[in-house]
Amino acid sequence: MKIKFKIHRDDTVVVIAGKFKGRVGKVVRVIPEDGRVVVEGVALQKRHVKAQGDQAGRIIEKERPIHVSNVAIWNADEKRRVKVGLKTQDDGTKVRVDKKTGSNLDQAKG
């Protein structure tokens, strides 16, 4: 089942539960089929890569997906989590808004 998220790619989020609680990062990828997001610098896993051709073997760090319920949008200006609501504008489009201040979250992206 595909879930619709209030968190989108390139949003700044804070991890609110689990091993990585308190870390802030940017959403790199959203996986709606699994209900997960990949956050930059969070849930790193080391992977051993075999040598291929003239390229030497190495160890790489890769971000693993975490569940969307464990992250919240982060407002860097006010240093707080944001509860997201949806509001319909006059022209019929839906935008994400901060429930506390009513400010538009989508306008910052452009």
C-alpha atoms as a PDB file:
ATOM      1  CA  MET A   1       0.000   0.000   0.000  1.00  0.00           C
ATOM      2  CA  LYS A   2       1.334   3.416  -0.999  1.00  0.00           C
ATOM      3  CA  ILE A   3       1.210   6.080   1.732  1.00  0.00           C
ATOM      4  CA  LYS A   4       1.042   9.831   1.068  1.00  0.00           C
ATOM      5  CA  PHE A   5       3.601  11.732   3.145  1.00  0.00           C
ATOM      6  CA  LYS A   6       3.668  15.249   4.514  1.00  0.00           C
ATOM      7  CA  ILE A   7       7.472  15.001   4.258  1.00  0.00           C
ATOM      8  CA  HIS A   8       9.014  15.565   0.841  1.00  0.00           C
ATOM      9  CA  ARG A   9      12.471  15.229  -0.699  1.00  0.00           C
ATOM     10  CA  ASP A  10      14.885  18.079   0.254  1.00  0.00           C
ATOM     11  CA  ASP A  11      12.987  18.861   3.496  1.00  0.00           C
ATOM     12  CA  THR A  12      15.130  19.339   6.598  1.00  0.00           C
ATOM     13  CA  VAL A  13      13.998  16.856   9.243  1.00  0.00           C
ATOM     14  CA  VAL A  14      14.913  15.840  12.781  1.00  0.00           C
ATOM     15  CA  VAL A  15      14.874  12.231  13.980  1.00  0.00           C
ATOM     16  CA  ILE A  16      12.443  12.008  16.912  1.00  0.00           C
ATOM     17  CA  ALA A  17      12.770   8.336  17.887  1.00  0.00           C
ATOM     18  CA  GLY A  18      15.240   5.482  17.811  1.00  0.00           C
ATOM     19  CA  LYS A  19      19.002   5.152  17.850  1.00  0.00           C
ATOM     20  CA  PHE A  20      19.578   8.381  15.904  1.00  0.00           C
ATOM     21  CA  LYS A  21      17.214  10.590  17.939  1.00  0.00           C
ATOM     22  CA  GLY A  22      18.079  14.291  17.762  1.00  0.00           C
ATOM     23  CA  ARG A  23      20.034  14.210  14.501  1.00  0.00           C
ATOM     24  CA  VAL A  24      19.067  16.728  11.831  1.00  0.00           C
ATOM     25  CA  GLY A  25      19.479  16.078   8.113  1.00  0.00           C
ATOM     26  CA  LYS A  26      18.034  16.551   4.654  1.00  0.00           C
ATOM     27  CA  VAL A  27      15.667  13.996   3.098  1.00  0.00           C
ATOM     28  CA  VAL A  28      17.505  12.387   0.190  1.00  0.00           C
ATOM     29  CA  ARG A  29      14.801   9.956  -0.942  1.00  0.00           C
ATOM     30  CA  VAL A  30      11.200   9.083  -0.090  1.00  0.00           C
ATOM     31  CA  ILE A  31       9.989   5.466  -0.376  1.00  0.00           C
ATOM     32  CA  PRO A  32       6.161   5.609  -0.171  1.00  0.00           C
ATOM     33  CA  GLU A  33       5.714   1.869  -0.848  1.00  0.00           C
ATOM     34  CA  ASP A  34       7.499   1.004   2.408  1.00  0.00           C
ATOM     35  CA  GLY A  35       6.592   4.120   4.418  1.00  0.00           C
ATOM     36  CA  ARG A  36      10.250   5.094   4.783  1.00  0.00           C
ATOM     37  CA  VAL A  37      12.601   7.997   4.082  1.00  0.00           C
ATOM     38  CA  VAL A  38      16.369   8.201   3.596  1.00  0.00           C
ATOM     39  CA  VAL A  39      17.938  11.054   5.595  1.00  0.00           C
ATOM     40  CA  GLU A  40      21.405  12.402   4.841  1.00  0.00           C
ATOM     41  CA  GLY A  41      23.936  11.352   7.509  1.00  0.00           C
ATOM     42  CA  VAL A  42      21.446   9.241   9.498  1.00  0.00           C
ATOM     43  CA  ALA A  43      21.371   5.424   9.839  1.00  0.00           C
ATOM     44  CA  LEU A  44      24.750   4.921   8.181  1.00  0.00           C
ATOM     45  CA  GLN A  45      25.791   1.365   7.388  1.00  0.00           C
ATOM     46  CA  LYS A  46      29.250   0.239   6.295  1.00  0.00           C
ATOM     47  CA  ARG A  47      29.356  -1.858   3.139  1.00  0.00           C
ATOM     48  CA  HIS A  48      32.396  -3.794   1.916  1.00  0.00           C
ATOM     49  CA  VAL A  49      32.726  -3.509  -1.860  1.00  0.00           C
ATOM     50  CA  LYS A  50      34.830  -6.009  -3.793  1.00  0.00           C
ATOM     51  CA  ALA A  51      37.495  -4.874  -6.243  1.00  0.00           C
ATOM     52  CA  GLN A  52      36.221  -4.556  -9.812  1.00  0.00           C
ATOM     53  CA  GLY A  53      38.651  -4.272 -12.690  1.00  0.00           C
ATOM     54  CA  ASP A  54      41.303  -1.680 -11.897  1.00  0.00           C
ATOM     55  CA  GLN A  55      39.266  -0.221  -9.015  1.00  0.00           C
ATOM     56  CA  ALA A  56      40.434  -1.347  -5.566  1.00  0.00           C
ATOM     57  CA  GLY A  57      38.109  -2.809  -2.950  1.00  0.00           C
ATOM     58  CA  ARG A  58      36.876  -0.382  -0.341  1.00  0.00           C
ATOM     59  CA  ILE A  59      34.461   0.238   2.518  1.00  0.00           C
ATOM     60  CA  ILE A  60      31.645   2.683   1.820  1.00  0.00           C
ATOM     61  CA  GLU A  61      29.072   4.197   4.169  1.00  0.00           C
ATOM     62  CA  LYS A  62      25.509   4.111   2.922  1.00  0.00           C
ATOM     63  CA  GLU A  63      22.369   5.671   4.426  1.00  0.00           C
ATOM     64  CA  ARG A  64      19.617   3.198   5.246  1.00  0.00           C
ATOM     65  CA  PRO A  65      15.895   4.061   5.187  1.00  0.00           C
ATOM     66  CA  ILE A  66      14.108   4.869   8.450  1.00  0.00           C
ATOM     67  CA  HIS A  67      10.375   4.900   9.055  1.00  0.00           C
ATOM     68  CA  VAL A  68       8.574   8.159   8.330  1.00  0.00           C
ATOM     69  CA  SER A  69       6.965   8.148  11.785  1.00  0.00           C
ATOM     70  CA  ASN A  70      10.426   8.592  13.321  1.00  0.00           C
ATOM     71  CA  VAL A  71      11.103  11.960  11.653  1.00  0.00           C
ATOM     72  CA  ALA A  72       9.543  15.438  11.848  1.00  0.00           C
ATOM     73  CA  ILE A  73      10.120  18.562   9.783  1.00  0.00           C
ATOM     74  CA  TRP A  74      12.685  20.885  11.400  1.00  0.00           C
ATOM     75  CA  ASN A  75      12.466  24.670  11.481  1.00  0.00           C
ATOM     76  CA  ALA A  76      16.100  25.821  11.687  1.00  0.00           C
ATOM     77  CA  ASP A  77      15.198  29.474  12.324  1.00  0.00           C
ATOM     78  CA  GLU A  78      13.166  28.733  15.458  1.00  0.00           C
ATOM     79  CA  LYS A  79      15.046  25.490  16.338  1.00  0.00           C
ATOM     80  CA  ARG A  80      11.897  23.416  16.777  1.00  0.00           C
ATOM     81  CA  ARG A  81       9.903  20.577  15.241  1.00  0.00           C
ATOM     82  CA  VAL A  82       7.027  21.501  12.984  1.00  0.00           C
ATOM     83  CA  LYS A  83       3.593  19.894  12.942  1.00  0.00           C
ATOM     84  CA  VAL A  84       2.392  19.934   9.352  1.00  0.00           C
ATOM     85  CA  GLY A  85      -1.147  20.691   8.241  1.00  0.00           C
ATOM     86  CA  LEU A  86      -2.679  21.034   4.784  1.00  0.00           C
ATOM     87  CA  LYS A  87      -4.479  24.148   3.616  1.00  0.00           C
ATOM     88  CA  THR A  88      -6.354  24.744   0.373  1.00  0.00           C
ATOM     89  CA  GLN A  89      -5.554  28.047  -1.304  1.00  0.00           C
ATOM     90  CA  ASP A  90      -8.014  30.217  -3.257  1.00  0.00           C
ATOM     91  CA  ASP A  91      -6.919  28.720  -6.591  1.00  0.00           C
ATOM     92  CA  GLY A  92      -7.616  25.171  -5.320  1.00  0.00           C
ATOM     93  CA  THR A  93      -4.031  24.021  -4.745  1.00  0.00           C
ATOM     94  CA  LYS A  94      -3.066  22.394  -1.463  1.00  0.00           C
ATOM     95  CA  VAL A  95      -0.026  23.632   0.455  1.00  0.00           C
ATOM     96  CA  ARG A  96       1.699  22.418   3.621  1.00  0.00           C
ATOM     97  CA  VAL A  97       1.521  24.844   6.535  1.00  0.00           C
ATOM     98  CA  ASP A  98       3.002  25.025  10.029  1.00  0.00           C
ATOM     99  CA  LYS A  99       0.119  24.356  12.443  1.00  0.00           C
ATOM    100  CA  LYS A 100       1.567  26.666  15.118  1.00  0.00           C
ATOM    101  CA  THR A 101       2.337  29.770  13.034  1.00  0.00           C
ATOM    102  CA  GLY A 102       0.281  29.122   9.890  1.00  0.00           C
ATOM    103  CA  SER A 103       3.300  29.875   7.697  1.00  0.00           C
ATOM    104  CA  ASN A 104       3.572  28.178   4.308  1.00  0.00           C
ATOM    105  CA  LEU A 105       6.218  25.398   4.209  1.00  0.00           C
ATOM    106  CA  ASP A 106       6.188  24.986   0.417  1.00  0.00           C
ATOM    107  CA  GLN A 107       7.034  28.597  -0.505  1.00  0.00           C
ATOM    108  CA  ALA A 108      10.634  28.251   0.747  1.00  0.00           C
ATOM    109  CA  LYS A 109      11.345  25.635  -1.940  1.00  0.00           C
ATOM    110  CA  GLY A 110      10.300  27.957  -4.754  1.00  0.00           C
END
